[in-house]
């Protein structure tokens, strides 16, 4: 079983790329989910070359993002980040994937090729 979590919804916004002096790049995609009574806005970070995958995304476009939660501690404070590693783009006007389709995609990524 994978520790990846699928987040599905529509693109709310894509923030500009942040570049750091070390050459590290980060970009944030905000996904609006529709599973709850109230919409949730989930910021998902894409690092390094993965940031390029966000090019061309349009507001209200359906997406499914596989994310990993990362946490750390610094000076007694705790931080959580949501890092995207796989992005599946839907076409404008296309229905979002079902939970069964997402689970099938997760099952495929768990296979070991040897």
Protein backbone atom coordinates (compact mmCIF):
# COMPACT_ATOMS: atom_id res chain seq x y z
CA UNK A 1 0.00 0.00 0.00
CA UNK A 2 1.26 3.45 -0.85
CA UNK A 3 1.43 6.31 1.61
CA UNK A 4 0.34 8.69 -1.15
CA UNK A 5 -2.93 10.50 -0.74
CA UNK A 6 -5.06 11.43 -3.76
CA UNK A 7 -6.44 14.96 -3.82
CA UNK A 8 -9.04 15.60 -6.48
CA UNK A 9 -10.88 18.75 -7.35
CA UNK A 10 -10.50 21.78 -9.56
CA UNK A 11 -7.66 24.23 -10.00
CA UNK A 12 -8.28 27.32 -7.90
CA UNK A 13 -4.96 29.02 -8.64
CA UNK A 14 -1.31 28.37 -9.44
CA UNK A 15 1.10 30.62 -7.58
CA UNK A 16 4.27 31.97 -9.20
CA UNK A 17 7.45 29.93 -9.00
CA UNK A 18 9.68 30.72 -6.02
CA UNK A 19 13.40 30.48 -6.74
CA UNK A 20 15.96 30.38 -3.96
CA UNK A 21 19.66 31.38 -4.10
CA UNK A 22 20.64 27.69 -3.93
CA UNK A 23 18.83 27.07 -7.24
CA UNK A 24 15.93 25.26 -5.56
CA UNK A 25 12.50 25.93 -7.13
CA UNK A 26 9.05 25.57 -5.61
CA UNK A 27 5.57 26.27 -6.97
CA UNK A 28 2.18 25.93 -5.26
CA UNK A 29 -1.03 24.63 -6.81
CA UNK A 30 -4.21 25.37 -4.86
CA UNK A 31 -6.87 22.71 -5.46
CA UNK A 32 -10.49 23.34 -4.53
CA UNK A 33 -12.09 20.11 -3.34
CA UNK A 34 -15.80 19.38 -3.59
CA UNK A 35 -16.18 16.32 -1.35
CA UNK A 36 -17.28 18.17 1.75
CA UNK A 37 -20.27 20.35 2.52
CA UNK A 38 -17.89 23.30 2.39
CA UNK A 39 -15.21 23.59 -0.28
CA UNK A 40 -11.63 23.15 0.92
CA UNK A 41 -8.65 24.93 -0.62
CA UNK A 42 -5.60 22.66 -0.44
CA UNK A 43 -2.16 24.17 -1.19
CA UNK A 44 0.11 21.55 -2.77
CA UNK A 45 3.82 22.19 -3.27
CA UNK A 46 5.68 20.99 -6.36
CA UNK A 47 9.47 20.99 -6.07
CA UNK A 48 12.31 21.31 -8.56
CA UNK A 49 11.43 20.05 -12.07
CA UNK A 50 7.93 18.98 -10.96
CA UNK A 51 7.03 22.70 -10.80
CA UNK A 52 7.00 22.75 -14.62
CA UNK A 53 4.05 20.33 -14.64
CA UNK A 54 1.82 23.17 -13.46
CA UNK A 55 2.34 25.15 -16.68
CA UNK A 56 -0.84 25.45 -18.71
CA UNK A 57 -3.28 24.63 -15.91
CA UNK A 58 -6.46 26.68 -16.07
CA UNK A 59 -8.82 27.70 -13.26
CA UNK A 60 -11.70 25.23 -12.82
CA UNK A 61 -9.79 22.47 -14.65
CA UNK A 62 -10.27 19.09 -12.98
CA UNK A 63 -7.11 17.57 -11.51
CA UNK A 64 -6.07 14.61 -9.42
CA UNK A 65 -2.83 15.04 -7.50
CA UNK A 66 -1.02 12.30 -5.62
CA UNK A 67 0.61 13.87 -2.57
CA UNK A 68 2.88 12.91 0.28
CA UNK A 69 2.61 14.63 3.65
CA UNK A 70 5.92 15.77 5.08
CA UNK A 71 6.53 17.10 8.56
CA UNK A 72 9.48 18.44 10.50
CA UNK A 73 10.40 20.17 13.75
CA UNK A 74 12.47 23.31 14.22
CA UNK A 75 13.07 24.98 17.60
CA UNK A 76 10.09 23.27 19.21
CA UNK A 77 7.66 24.17 16.41
CA UNK A 78 6.19 21.63 14.02
CA UNK A 79 5.56 22.14 10.32
CA UNK A 80 3.55 20.19 7.76
CA UNK A 81 3.80 20.34 3.98
CA UNK A 82 1.78 18.68 1.27
CA UNK A 83 4.06 17.75 -1.64
CA UNK A 84 2.69 16.74 -5.02
CA UNK A 85 4.54 14.13 -7.04
CA UNK A 86 2.03 13.09 -9.70
CA UNK A 87 -0.47 15.31 -11.51
CA UNK A 88 -3.28 14.03 -13.69
CA UNK A 89 -4.95 16.77 -15.70
CA UNK A 90 -8.54 16.57 -16.83
CA UNK A 91 -9.86 18.36 -19.87
CA UNK A 92 -12.01 21.43 -19.46
CA UNK A 93 -15.63 20.34 -19.08
CA UNK A 94 -14.64 16.74 -18.36
CA UNK A 95 -15.98 15.02 -15.25
CA UNK A 96 -13.43 14.37 -12.50
CA UNK A 97 -12.18 10.80 -12.04
CA UNK A 98 -14.11 8.53 -9.70
CA UNK A 99 -12.67 7.17 -6.45
CA UNK A 100 -12.40 3.75 -8.13
CA UNK A 101 -10.31 5.22 -10.97
CA UNK A 102 -8.03 6.93 -8.44
CA UNK A 103 -7.59 3.68 -6.49
CA UNK A 104 -6.75 1.83 -9.71
CA UNK A 105 -4.07 4.45 -10.48
CA UNK A 106 -2.66 4.07 -6.96
CA UNK A 107 -2.56 0.28 -7.31
CA UNK A 108 -0.58 0.55 -10.55
CA UNK A 109 2.05 2.80 -8.95
CA UNK A 110 2.58 0.26 -6.15
CA UNK A 111 3.79 -2.48 -8.51
CA UNK A 112 7.46 -3.32 -8.34
CA UNK A 113 8.89 -4.02 -11.82
CA UNK A 114 11.26 -6.80 -10.75
